[in-house]
Amino acid sequence: MALVNDNGEQRGGNPSLLKKDIDQGLTGDKVSYPDPAASPLGTDDEAAGTPNTPQQVAMARSIEREQGAQAGQRAPDFGNDKRGPGRASIVIIAGIVAVGLLLLVAM
C-alpha cells in the first residue's frame, strides 16, 4: 500500500513522517498525542552507520498504518479509572499507619 500526498505523488521515506503517524494514533498502538523523544526516530540507526532507506521507511509506514486501520483509533485514557484505590495507594497508606503505630508504641 503506497502512501501518496495530495498531488498523487508517492511519499513516506522520511522517519519523521512515521513518527507523525504514530503520534497521531494512525498506527493503532497509542492515542493521538505527541510523544516527546530524546532523539528523533531513526537517529540511532544513523549513528550506527546503518540508516534506513526511504523504501524501508515507506514500507514501515505502510504496514503500521494498515495495522492501525485494522485496530481502529484508540480513545484517550487519562487515568480516570473509577474502580477505587490502586495497590500502590493501599501499600502507602498501610506504611503510614505502621509508622504511626510504631511512633505511638515508642512513646
PDB file of N, CA and C in Angstrom:
ATOM      1  N   MET A   1       0.850  -1.169   0.000  1.00  0.00           N
ATOM      2  CA  MET A   1       0.000   0.000   0.000  1.00  0.00           C
ATOM      3  C   MET A   1       0.893   1.229   0.000  1.00  0.00           C
ATOM      4  N   ALA A   2       0.990   1.904  -1.093  1.00  0.00           N
ATOM      5  CA  ALA A   2       1.826   3.094  -1.195  1.00  0.00           C
ATOM      6  C   ALA A   2       1.068   4.302  -0.674  1.00  0.00           C
ATOM      7  N   LEU A   3       1.747   5.117   0.100  1.00  0.00           N
ATOM      8  CA  LEU A   3       1.152   6.349   0.590  1.00  0.00           C
ATOM      9  C   LEU A   3       1.396   7.439  -0.431  1.00  0.00           C
ATOM     10  N   VAL A   4       0.378   8.240  -0.696  1.00  0.00           N
ATOM     11  CA  VAL A   4       0.514   9.320  -1.664  1.00  0.00           C
ATOM     12  C   VAL A   4       0.075  10.622  -1.019  1.00  0.00           C
ATOM     13  N   ASN A   5       0.673  11.734  -1.466  1.00  0.00           N
ATOM     14  CA  ASN A   5       0.272  13.033  -0.952  1.00  0.00           C
ATOM     15  C   ASN A   5      -0.914  13.560  -1.758  1.00  0.00           C
ATOM     16  N   ASP A   6      -1.307  14.806  -1.484  1.00  0.00           N
ATOM     17  CA  ASP A   6      -2.476  15.386  -2.155  1.00  0.00           C
ATOM     18  C   ASP A   6      -2.279  15.527  -3.665  1.00  0.00           C
ATOM     19  N   ASN A   7      -1.026  15.591  -4.105  1.00  0.00           N
ATOM     20  CA  ASN A   7      -0.738  15.726  -5.536  1.00  0.00           C
ATOM     21  C   ASN A   7      -0.654  14.373  -6.241  1.00  0.00           C
ATOM     22  N   GLY A   8      -0.858  13.285  -5.520  1.00  0.00           N
ATOM     23  CA  GLY A   8      -0.779  11.963  -6.110  1.00  0.00           C
ATOM     24  C   GLY A   8       0.626  11.403  -6.178  1.00  0.00           C
ATOM     25  N   GLU A   9       1.597  12.112  -5.565  1.00  0.00           N
ATOM     26  CA  GLU A   9       2.973  11.635  -5.571  1.00  0.00           C
ATOM     27  C   GLU A   9       3.193  10.680  -4.401  1.00  0.00           C
ATOM     28  N   GLN A  10       3.984   9.646  -4.650  1.00  0.00           N
ATOM     29  CA  GLN A  10       4.289   8.707  -3.584  1.00  0.00           C
ATOM     30  C   GLN A  10       5.185   9.390  -2.558  1.00  0.00           C
ATOM     31  N   ARG A  11       4.919   9.142  -1.290  1.00  0.00           N
ATOM     32  CA  ARG A  11       5.721   9.716  -0.217  1.00  0.00           C
ATOM     33  C   ARG A  11       5.896   8.668   0.881  1.00  0.00           C
ATOM     34  N   GLY A  12       6.662   9.006   1.900  1.00  0.00           N
ATOM     35  CA  GLY A  12       6.751   8.104   3.045  1.00  0.00           C
ATOM     36  C   GLY A  12       8.145   7.675   3.394  1.00  0.00           C
ATOM     37  N   GLY A  13       9.176   8.229   2.756  1.00  0.00           N
ATOM     38  CA  GLY A  13      10.521   7.795   3.032  1.00  0.00           C
ATOM     39  C   GLY A  13      11.204   8.540   4.156  1.00  0.00           C
ATOM     40  N   ASN A  14      10.472   9.360   4.893  1.00  0.00           N
ATOM     41  CA  ASN A  14      11.060  10.178   5.935  1.00  0.00           C
ATOM     42  C   ASN A  14      10.656   9.631   7.310  1.00  0.00           C
ATOM     43  N   PRO A  15      11.630   9.321   8.195  1.00  0.00           N
ATOM     44  CA  PRO A  15      11.271   8.797   9.517  1.00  0.00           C
ATOM     45  C   PRO A  15      10.396   9.753  10.334  1.00  0.00           C
ATOM     46  N   SER A  16      10.520  11.062  10.101  1.00  0.00           N
ATOM     47  CA  SER A  16       9.685  11.999  10.859  1.00  0.00           C
ATOM     48  C   SER A  16       8.212  11.843  10.488  1.00  0.00           C
ATOM     49  N   LEU A  17       7.925  11.413   9.256  1.00  0.00           N
ATOM     50  CA  LEU A  17       6.538  11.161   8.868  1.00  0.00           C
ATOM     51  C   LEU A  17       5.997   9.924   9.574  1.00  0.00           C
ATOM     52  N   LEU A  18       6.838   8.916   9.765  1.00  0.00           N
ATOM     53  CA  LEU A  18       6.424   7.725  10.506  1.00  0.00           C
ATOM     54  C   LEU A  18       6.124   8.105  11.950  1.00  0.00           C
ATOM     55  N   LYS A  19       6.977   8.924  12.555  1.00  0.00           N
ATOM     56  CA  LYS A  19       6.741   9.371  13.933  1.00  0.00           C
ATOM     57  C   LYS A  19       5.453  10.176  14.018  1.00  0.00           C
ATOM     58  N   LYS A  20       5.191  11.006  13.011  1.00  0.00           N
ATOM     59  CA  LYS A  20       3.958  11.793  12.987  1.00  0.00           C
ATOM     60  C   LYS A  20       2.740  10.873  12.937  1.00  0.00           C
ATOM     61  N   ASP A  21       2.813   9.817  12.132  1.00  0.00           N
ATOM     62  CA  ASP A  21       1.724   8.840  12.071  1.00  0.00           C
ATOM     63  C   ASP A  21       1.493   8.200  13.438  1.00  0.00           C
ATOM     64  N   ILE A  22       2.581   7.841  14.107  1.00  0.00           N
ATOM     65  CA  ILE A  22       2.482   7.217  15.429  1.00  0.00           C
ATOM     66  C   ILE A  22       1.864   8.200  16.417  1.00  0.00           C
ATOM     67  N   ASP A  23       2.354   9.452  16.428  1.00  0.00           N
ATOM     68  CA  ASP A  23       1.852  10.464  17.350  1.00  0.00           C
ATOM     69  C   ASP A  23       0.382  10.793  17.108  1.00  0.00           C
ATOM     70  N   GLN A  24      -0.072  10.676  15.864  1.00  0.00           N
ATOM     71  CA  GLN A  24      -1.470  10.963  15.551  1.00  0.00           C
ATOM     72  C   GLN A  24      -2.386   9.767  15.812  1.00  0.00           C
ATOM     73  N   GLY A  25      -1.814   8.656  16.283  1.00  0.00           N
ATOM     74  CA  GLY A  25      -2.619   7.479  16.583  1.00  0.00           C
ATOM     75  C   GLY A  25      -3.016   6.675  15.364  1.00  0.00           C
ATOM     76  N   LEU A  26      -2.367   6.930  14.218  1.00  0.00           N
ATOM     77  CA  LEU A  26      -2.747   6.239  12.984  1.00  0.00           C
ATOM     78  C   LEU A  26      -2.229   4.808  12.914  1.00  0.00           C
ATOM     79  N   THR A  27      -1.320   4.444  13.815  1.00  0.00           N
ATOM     80  CA  THR A  27      -0.765   3.089  13.789  1.00  0.00           C
ATOM     81  C   THR A  27      -1.498   2.146  14.735  1.00  0.00           C
ATOM     82  N   GLY A  28      -2.441   2.668  15.516  1.00  0.00           N
ATOM     83  CA  GLY A  28      -3.273   1.828  16.365  1.00  0.00           C
ATOM     84  C   GLY A  28      -2.642   1.385  17.664  1.00  0.00           C
ATOM     85  N   ASP A  29      -1.408   1.836  17.964  1.00  0.00           N
ATOM     86  CA  ASP A  29      -0.775   1.374  19.192  1.00  0.00           C
ATOM     87  C   ASP A  29      -0.716   2.440  20.278  1.00  0.00           C
ATOM     88  N   LYS A  30      -1.222   3.622  20.013  1.00  0.00           N
ATOM     89  CA  LYS A  30      -1.291   4.658  21.042  1.00  0.00           C
ATOM     90  C   LYS A  30      -2.348   5.664  20.635  1.00  0.00           C
ATOM     91  N   VAL A  31      -2.729   6.503  21.588  1.00  0.00           N
ATOM     92  CA  VAL A  31      -3.711   7.535  21.299  1.00  0.00           C
ATOM     93  C   VAL A  31      -3.048   8.685  20.563  1.00  0.00           C
ATOM     94  N   SER A  32      -3.853   9.537  19.989  1.00  0.00           N
ATOM     95  CA  SER A  32      -3.345  10.689  19.259  1.00  0.00           C
ATOM     96  C   SER A  32      -2.852  11.741  20.245  1.00  0.00           C
ATOM     97  N   TYR A  33      -1.545  11.745  20.477  1.00  0.00           N
ATOM     98  CA  TYR A  33      -0.931  12.709  21.386  1.00  0.00           C
ATOM     99  C   TYR A  33       0.566  12.715  21.119  1.00  0.00           C
ATOM    100  N   PRO A  34       1.193  13.886  21.102  1.00  0.00           N
ATOM    101  CA  PRO A  34       2.641  13.926  20.831  1.00  0.00           C
ATOM    102  C   PRO A  34       3.428  13.172  21.891  1.00  0.00           C
ATOM    103  N   ASP A  35       4.422  12.470  21.456  1.00  0.00           N
ATOM    104  CA  ASP A  35       5.265  11.678  22.344  1.00  0.00           C
ATOM    105  C   ASP A  35       6.671  12.258  22.302  1.00  0.00           C
ATOM    106  N   PRO A  36       7.071  12.984  23.350  1.00  0.00           N
ATOM    107  CA  PRO A  36       8.410  13.579  23.312  1.00  0.00           C
ATOM    108  C   PRO A  36       9.481  12.491  23.298  1.00  0.00           C
ATOM    109  N   ALA A  37      10.493  12.714  22.527  1.00  0.00           N
ATOM    110  CA  ALA A  37      11.558  11.725  22.406  1.00  0.00           C
ATOM    111  C   ALA A  37      12.902  12.413  22.638  1.00  0.00           C
ATOM    112  N   ALA A  38      13.823  11.675  23.217  1.00  0.00           N
ATOM    113  CA  ALA A  38      15.162  12.219  23.437  1.00  0.00           C
ATOM    114  C   ALA A  38      15.882  12.421  22.110  1.00  0.00           C
ATOM    115  N   SER A  39      15.597  11.564  21.160  1.00  0.00           N
ATOM    116  CA  SER A  39      16.191  11.707  19.827  1.00  0.00           C
ATOM    117  C   SER A  39      15.133  11.330  18.792  1.00  0.00           C
ATOM    118  N   PRO A  40      15.168  11.963  17.640  1.00  0.00           N
ATOM    119  CA  PRO A  40      14.173  11.661  16.604  1.00  0.00           C
ATOM    120  C   PRO A  40      14.260  10.211  16.130  1.00  0.00           C
ATOM    121  N   LEU A  41      13.125   9.703  15.671  1.00  0.00           N
ATOM    122  CA  LEU A  41      13.054   8.341  15.154  1.00  0.00           C
ATOM    123  C   LEU A  41      14.059   8.163  14.017  1.00  0.00           C
ATOM    124  N   GLY A  42      14.849   7.125  14.085  1.00  0.00           N
ATOM    125  CA  GLY A  42      15.844   6.846  13.053  1.00  0.00           C
ATOM    126  C   GLY A  42      17.241   7.323  13.393  1.00  0.00           C
ATOM    127  N   THR A  43      17.374   8.149  14.438  1.00  0.00           N
ATOM    128  CA  THR A  43      18.682   8.684  14.802  1.00  0.00           C
ATOM    129  C   THR A  43      19.649   7.583  15.223  1.00  0.00           C
ATOM    130  N   ASP A  44      19.158   6.611  15.980  1.00  0.00           N
ATOM    131  CA  ASP A  44      20.021   5.511  16.427  1.00  0.00           C
ATOM    132  C   ASP A  44      20.579   4.727  15.240  1.00  0.00           C
ATOM    133  N   ASP A  45      19.732   4.496  14.264  1.00  0.00           N
ATOM    134  CA  ASP A  45      20.186   3.770  13.078  1.00  0.00           C
ATOM    135  C   ASP A  45      21.270   4.558  12.338  1.00  0.00           C
ATOM    136  N   GLU A  46      21.059   5.865  12.215  1.00  0.00           N
ATOM    137  CA  GLU A  46      22.053   6.700  11.537  1.00  0.00           C
ATOM    138  C   GLU A  46      23.371   6.713  12.308  1.00  0.00           C
ATOM    139  N   ALA A  47      23.290   6.801  13.636  1.00  0.00           N
ATOM    140  CA  ALA A  47      24.503   6.832  14.451  1.00  0.00           C
ATOM    141  C   ALA A  47      25.278   5.521  14.346  1.00  0.00           C
ATOM    142  N   ALA A  48      24.557   4.425  14.128  1.00  0.00           N
ATOM    143  CA  ALA A  48      25.205   3.120  13.997  1.00  0.00           C
ATOM    144  C   ALA A  48      25.792   2.912  12.604  1.00  0.00           C
ATOM    145  N   GLY A  49      25.540   3.869  11.712  1.00  0.00           N
ATOM    146  CA  GLY A  49      26.072   3.752  10.366  1.00  0.00           C
ATOM    147  C   GLY A  49      25.199   2.944   9.429  1.00  0.00           C
ATOM    148  N   THR A  50      23.982   2.639   9.862  1.00  0.00           N
ATOM    149  CA  THR A  50      23.070   1.859   9.027  1.00  0.00           C
ATOM    150  C   THR A  50      21.717   2.557   8.937  1.00  0.00           C
ATOM    151  N   PRO A  51      21.675   3.746   8.330  1.00  0.00           N
ATOM    152  CA  PRO A  51      20.392   4.447   8.242  1.00  0.00           C
ATOM    153  C   PRO A  51      19.399   3.680   7.371  1.00  0.00           C
ATOM    154  N   ASN A  52      18.137   3.824   7.706  1.00  0.00           N
ATOM    155  CA  ASN A  52      17.087   3.187   6.911  1.00  0.00           C
ATOM    156  C   ASN A  52      16.965   3.880   5.562  1.00  0.00           C
ATOM    157  N   THR A  53      16.707   3.108   4.557  1.00  0.00           N
ATOM    158  CA  THR A  53      16.495   3.682   3.229  1.00  0.00           C
ATOM    159  C   THR A  53      15.078   4.263   3.167  1.00  0.00           C
ATOM    160  N   PRO A  54      14.840   5.197   2.268  1.00  0.00           N
ATOM    161  CA  PRO A  54      13.481   5.715   2.122  1.00  0.00           C
ATOM    162  C   PRO A  54      12.464   4.615   1.814  1.00  0.00           C
ATOM    163  N   GLN A  55      12.881   3.586   1.097  1.00  0.00           N
ATOM    164  CA  GLN A  55      11.979   2.476   0.788  1.00  0.00           C
ATOM    165  C   GLN A  55      11.617   1.699   2.059  1.00  0.00           C
ATOM    166  N   GLN A  56      12.597   1.493   2.956  1.00  0.00           N
ATOM    167  CA  GLN A  56      12.323   0.787   4.203  1.00  0.00           C
ATOM    168  C   GLN A  56      11.353   1.578   5.075  1.00  0.00           C
ATOM    169  N   VAL A  57      11.555   2.890   5.149  1.00  0.00           N
ATOM    170  CA  VAL A  57      10.674   3.729   5.963  1.00  0.00           C
ATOM    171  C   VAL A  57       9.272   3.756   5.361  1.00  0.00           C
ATOM    172  N   ALA A  58       9.179   3.844   4.037  1.00  0.00           N
ATOM    173  CA  ALA A  58       7.870   3.839   3.373  1.00  0.00           C
ATOM    174  C   ALA A  58       7.141   2.523   3.634  1.00  0.00           C
ATOM    175  N   MET A  59       7.877   1.410   3.595  1.00  0.00           N
ATOM    176  CA  MET A  59       7.268   0.111   3.857  1.00  0.00           C
ATOM    177  C   MET A  59       6.799   0.038   5.310  1.00  0.00           C
ATOM    178  N   ALA A  60       7.608   0.539   6.249  1.00  0.00           N
ATOM    179  CA  ALA A  60       7.227   0.529   7.664  1.00  0.00           C
ATOM    180  C   ALA A  60       5.970   1.368   7.892  1.00  0.00           C
ATOM    181  N   ARG A  61       5.919   2.551   7.270  1.00  0.00           N
ATOM    182  CA  ARG A  61       4.732   3.409   7.404  1.00  0.00           C
ATOM    183  C   ARG A  61       3.496   2.712   6.859  1.00  0.00           C
ATOM    184  N   SER A  62       3.647   2.085   5.716  1.00  0.00           N
ATOM    185  CA  SER A  62       2.517   1.405   5.095  1.00  0.00           C
ATOM    186  C   SER A  62       1.991   0.296   5.994  1.00  0.00           C
ATOM    187  N   ILE A  63       2.893  -0.517   6.522  1.00  0.00           N
ATOM    188  CA  ILE A  63       2.500  -1.630   7.394  1.00  0.00           C
ATOM    189  C   ILE A  63       1.876  -1.106   8.682  1.00  0.00           C
ATOM    190  N   GLU A  64       2.508  -0.108   9.298  1.00  0.00           N
ATOM    191  CA  GLU A  64       1.998   0.444  10.555  1.00  0.00           C
ATOM    192  C   GLU A  64       0.607   1.044  10.372  1.00  0.00           C
ATOM    193  N   ARG A  65       0.411   1.790   9.289  1.00  0.00           N
ATOM    194  CA  ARG A  65      -0.897   2.412   9.057  1.00  0.00           C
ATOM    195  C   ARG A  65      -1.960   1.363   8.738  1.00  0.00           C
ATOM    196  N   GLU A  66      -1.567   0.301   8.030  1.00  0.00           N
ATOM    197  CA  GLU A  66      -2.518  -0.772   7.736  1.00  0.00           C
ATOM    198  C   GLU A  66      -2.949  -1.455   9.031  1.00  0.00           C
ATOM    199  N   GLN A  67      -1.992  -1.736   9.900  1.00  0.00           N
ATOM    200  CA  GLN A  67      -2.320  -2.354  11.189  1.00  0.00           C
ATOM    201  C   GLN A  67      -3.169  -1.410  12.034  1.00  0.00           C
ATOM    202  N   GLY A  68      -2.868  -0.109  11.954  1.00  0.00           N
ATOM    203  CA  GLY A  68      -3.652   0.871  12.697  1.00  0.00           C
ATOM    204  C   GLY A  68      -5.082   0.933  12.209  1.00  0.00           C
ATOM    205  N   ALA A  69      -5.272   0.828  10.914  1.00  0.00           N
ATOM    206  CA  ALA A  69      -6.621   0.856  10.360  1.00  0.00           C
ATOM    207  C   ALA A  69      -7.413  -0.371  10.814  1.00  0.00           C
ATOM    208  N   GLN A  70      -6.733  -1.503  10.928  1.00  0.00           N
ATOM    209  CA  GLN A  70      -7.397  -2.721  11.386  1.00  0.00           C
ATOM    210  C   GLN A  70      -7.738  -2.633  12.868  1.00  0.00           C
ATOM    211  N   ALA A  71      -6.835  -2.014  13.662  1.00  0.00           N
ATOM    212  CA  ALA A  71      -7.049  -1.915  15.097  1.00  0.00           C
ATOM    213  C   ALA A  71      -8.071  -0.841  15.448  1.00  0.00           C
ATOM    214  N   GLY A  72      -8.182   0.187  14.616  1.00  0.00           N
ATOM    215  CA  GLY A  72      -9.098   1.285  14.909  1.00  0.00           C
ATOM    216  C   GLY A  72      -8.437   2.297  15.825  1.00  0.00           C
ATOM    217  N   GLN A  73      -9.021   3.463  15.909  1.00  0.00           N
ATOM    218  CA  GLN A  73      -8.485   4.528  16.759  1.00  0.00           C
ATOM    219  C   GLN A  73      -8.737   4.189  18.220  1.00  0.00           C
ATOM    220  N   ARG A  74      -7.744   4.432  19.054  1.00  0.00           N
ATOM    221  CA  ARG A  74      -7.879   4.218  20.490  1.00  0.00           C
ATOM    222  C   ARG A  74      -8.340   5.503  21.143  1.00  0.00           C
ATOM    223  N   ALA A  75      -9.236   5.387  22.086  1.00  0.00           N
ATOM    224  CA  ALA A  75      -9.707   6.560  22.819  1.00  0.00           C
ATOM    225  C   ALA A  75      -8.668   6.933  23.877  1.00  0.00           C
ATOM    226  N   PRO A  76      -8.463   8.223  24.119  1.00  0.00           N
ATOM    227  CA  PRO A  76      -7.504   8.632  25.150  1.00  0.00           C
ATOM    228  C   PRO A  76      -7.902   8.111  26.518  1.00  0.00           C
ATOM    229  N   ASP A  77      -6.932   7.663  27.281  1.00  0.00           N
ATOM    230  CA  ASP A  77      -7.144   7.216  28.656  1.00  0.00           C
ATOM    231  C   ASP A  77      -6.298   8.107  29.537  1.00  0.00           C
ATOM    232  N   PHE A  78      -6.955   8.961  30.287  1.00  0.00           N
ATOM    233  CA  PHE A  78      -6.233   9.910  31.116  1.00  0.00           C
ATOM    234  C   PHE A  78      -6.091   9.432  32.557  1.00  0.00           C
ATOM    235  N   GLY A  79      -6.253   8.141  32.774  1.00  0.00           N
ATOM    236  CA  GLY A  79      -6.059   7.578  34.107  1.00  0.00           C
ATOM    237  C   GLY A  79      -7.224   7.839  35.040  1.00  0.00           C
ATOM    238  N   ASN A  80      -8.395   8.098  34.519  1.00  0.00           N
ATOM    239  CA  ASN A  80      -9.562   8.376  35.345  1.00  0.00           C
ATOM    240  C   ASN A  80     -10.335   7.094  35.649  1.00  0.00           C
ATOM    241  N   ASP A  81      -9.625   6.099  36.098  1.00  0.00           N
ATOM    242  CA  ASP A  81     -10.247   4.819  36.412  1.00  0.00           C
ATOM    243  C   ASP A  81     -11.009   4.956  37.723  1.00  0.00           C
ATOM    244  N   LYS A  82     -12.261   4.601  37.735  1.00  0.00           N
ATOM    245  CA  LYS A  82     -13.120   4.784  38.912  1.00  0.00           C
ATOM    246  C   LYS A  82     -13.294   3.493  39.719  1.00  0.00           C
ATOM    247  N   ARG A  83     -12.376   2.555  39.577  1.00  0.00           N
ATOM    248  CA  ARG A  83     -12.537   1.279  40.271  1.00  0.00           C
ATOM    249  C   ARG A  83     -12.096   1.332  41.729  1.00  0.00           C
ATOM    250  N   GLY A  84     -11.572   2.420  42.188  1.00  0.00           N
ATOM    251  CA  GLY A  84     -11.146   2.525  43.574  1.00  0.00           C
ATOM    252  C   GLY A  84      -9.641   2.664  43.675  1.00  0.00           C
ATOM    253  N   PRO A  85      -9.127   2.651  44.907  1.00  0.00           N
ATOM    254  CA  PRO A  85      -7.685   2.855  45.091  1.00  0.00           C
ATOM    255  C   PRO A  85      -6.878   1.706  44.526  1.00  0.00           C
ATOM    256  N   GLY A  86      -5.739   2.032  43.989  1.00  0.00           N
ATOM    257  CA  GLY A  86      -4.861   1.016  43.441  1.00  0.00           C
ATOM    258  C   GLY A  86      -4.020   0.376  44.530  1.00  0.00           C
ATOM    259  N   ARG A  87      -3.294  -0.644  44.144  1.00  0.00           N
ATOM    260  CA  ARG A  87      -2.464  -1.383  45.089  1.00  0.00           C
ATOM    261  C   ARG A  87      -1.394  -0.486  45.715  1.00  0.00           C
ATOM    262  N   ALA A  88      -0.816   0.403  44.918  1.00  0.00           N
ATOM    263  CA  ALA A  88       0.223   1.292  45.437  1.00  0.00           C
ATOM    264  C   ALA A  88      -0.329   2.203  46.520  1.00  0.00           C
ATOM    265  N   SER A  89      -1.541   2.717  46.333  1.00  0.00           N
ATOM    266  CA  SER A  89      -2.154   3.592  47.337  1.00  0.00           C
ATOM    267  C   SER A  89      -2.365   2.848  48.647  1.00  0.00           C
ATOM    268  N   ILE A  90      -2.819   1.632  48.554  1.00  0.00           N
ATOM    269  CA  ILE A  90      -3.067   0.832  49.755  1.00  0.00           C
ATOM    270  C   ILE A  90      -1.764   0.549  50.490  1.00  0.00           C
ATOM    271  N   VAL A  91      -0.708   0.234  49.759  1.00  0.00           N
ATOM    272  CA  VAL A  91       0.588  -0.040  50.381  1.00  0.00           C
ATOM    273  C   VAL A  91       1.126   1.210  51.070  1.00  0.00           C
ATOM    274  N   ILE A  92       0.998   2.357  50.449  1.00  0.00           N
ATOM    275  CA  ILE A  92       1.483   3.609  51.044  1.00  0.00           C
ATOM    276  C   ILE A  92       0.703   3.938  52.309  1.00  0.00           C
ATOM    277  N   ILE A  93      -0.610   3.807  52.259  1.00  0.00           N
ATOM    278  CA  ILE A  93      -1.432   4.087  53.444  1.00  0.00           C
ATOM    279  C   ILE A  93      -1.088   3.112  54.564  1.00  0.00           C
ATOM    280  N   ALA A  94      -0.911   1.838  54.242  1.00  0.00           N
ATOM    281  CA  ALA A  94      -0.548   0.842  55.262  1.00  0.00           C
ATOM    282  C   ALA A  94       0.806   1.173  55.876  1.00  0.00           C
ATOM    283  N   GLY A  95       1.737   1.649  55.067  1.00  0.00           N
ATOM    284  CA  GLY A  95       3.048   2.037  55.585  1.00  0.00           C
ATOM    285  C   GLY A  95       2.959   3.222  56.528  1.00  0.00           C
ATOM    286  N   ILE A  96       2.156   4.194  56.174  1.00  0.00           N
ATOM    287  CA  ILE A  96       1.979   5.369  57.044  1.00  0.00           C
ATOM    288  C   ILE A  96       1.345   4.958  58.369  1.00  0.00           C
ATOM    289  N   VAL A  97       0.344   4.094  58.319  1.00  0.00           N
ATOM    290  CA  VAL A  97      -0.302   3.613  59.534  1.00  0.00           C
ATOM    291  C   VAL A  97       0.701   2.840  60.399  1.00  0.00           C
ATOM    292  N   ALA A  98       1.518   2.001  59.768  1.00  0.00           N
ATOM    293  CA  ALA A  98       2.503   1.219  60.520  1.00  0.00           C
ATOM    294  C   ALA A  98       3.520   2.131  61.208  1.00  0.00           C
ATOM    295  N   VAL A  99       4.001   3.143  60.518  1.00  0.00           N
ATOM    296  CA  VAL A  99       4.959   4.083  61.119  1.00  0.00           C
ATOM    297  C   VAL A  99       4.294   4.834  62.265  1.00  0.00           C
ATOM    298  N   GLY A 100       3.042   5.241  62.066  1.00  0.00           N
ATOM    299  CA  GLY A 100       2.310   5.932  63.132  1.00  0.00           C
ATOM    300  C   GLY A 100       2.171   5.062  64.364  1.00  0.00           C
ATOM    301  N   LEU A 101       1.842   3.793  64.174  1.00  0.00           N
ATOM    302  CA  LEU A 101       1.710   2.868  65.317  1.00  0.00           C
ATOM    303  C   LEU A 101       3.050   2.675  66.018  1.00  0.00           C
ATOM    304  N   LEU A 102       4.133   2.560  65.270  1.00  0.00           N
ATOM    305  CA  LEU A 102       5.469   2.430  65.870  1.00  0.00           C
ATOM    306  C   LEU A 102       5.813   3.654  66.712  1.00  0.00           C
ATOM    307  N   LEU A 103       5.483   4.826  66.214  1.00  0.00           N
ATOM    308  CA  LEU A 103       5.750   6.044  66.978  1.00  0.00           C
ATOM    309  C   LEU A 103       4.913   6.096  68.251  1.00  0.00           C
ATOM    310  N   LEU A 104       3.664   5.657  68.183  1.00  0.00           N
ATOM    311  CA  LEU A 104       2.815   5.627  69.388  1.00  0.00           C
ATOM    312  C   LEU A 104       3.353   4.652  70.425  1.00  0.00           C
ATOM    313  N   VAL A 105       3.796   3.490  69.974  1.00  0.00           N
ATOM    314  CA  VAL A 105       4.330   2.471  70.883  1.00  0.00           C
ATOM    315  C   VAL A 105       5.639   2.945  71.499  1.00  0.00           C
ATOM    316  N   ALA A 106       6.444   3.659  70.724  1.00  0.00           N
ATOM    317  CA  ALA A 106       7.757   4.119  71.202  1.00  0.00           C
ATOM    318  C   ALA A 106       7.609   5.216  72.264  1.00  0.00           C
ATOM    319  N   MET A 107       6.490   5.916  72.302  1.00  0.00           N
ATOM    320  CA  MET A 107       6.297   6.993  73.284  1.00  0.00           C
ATOM    321  C   MET A 107       6.002   6.403  74.575  1.00  0.00           C
TER     322      MET A 107
END
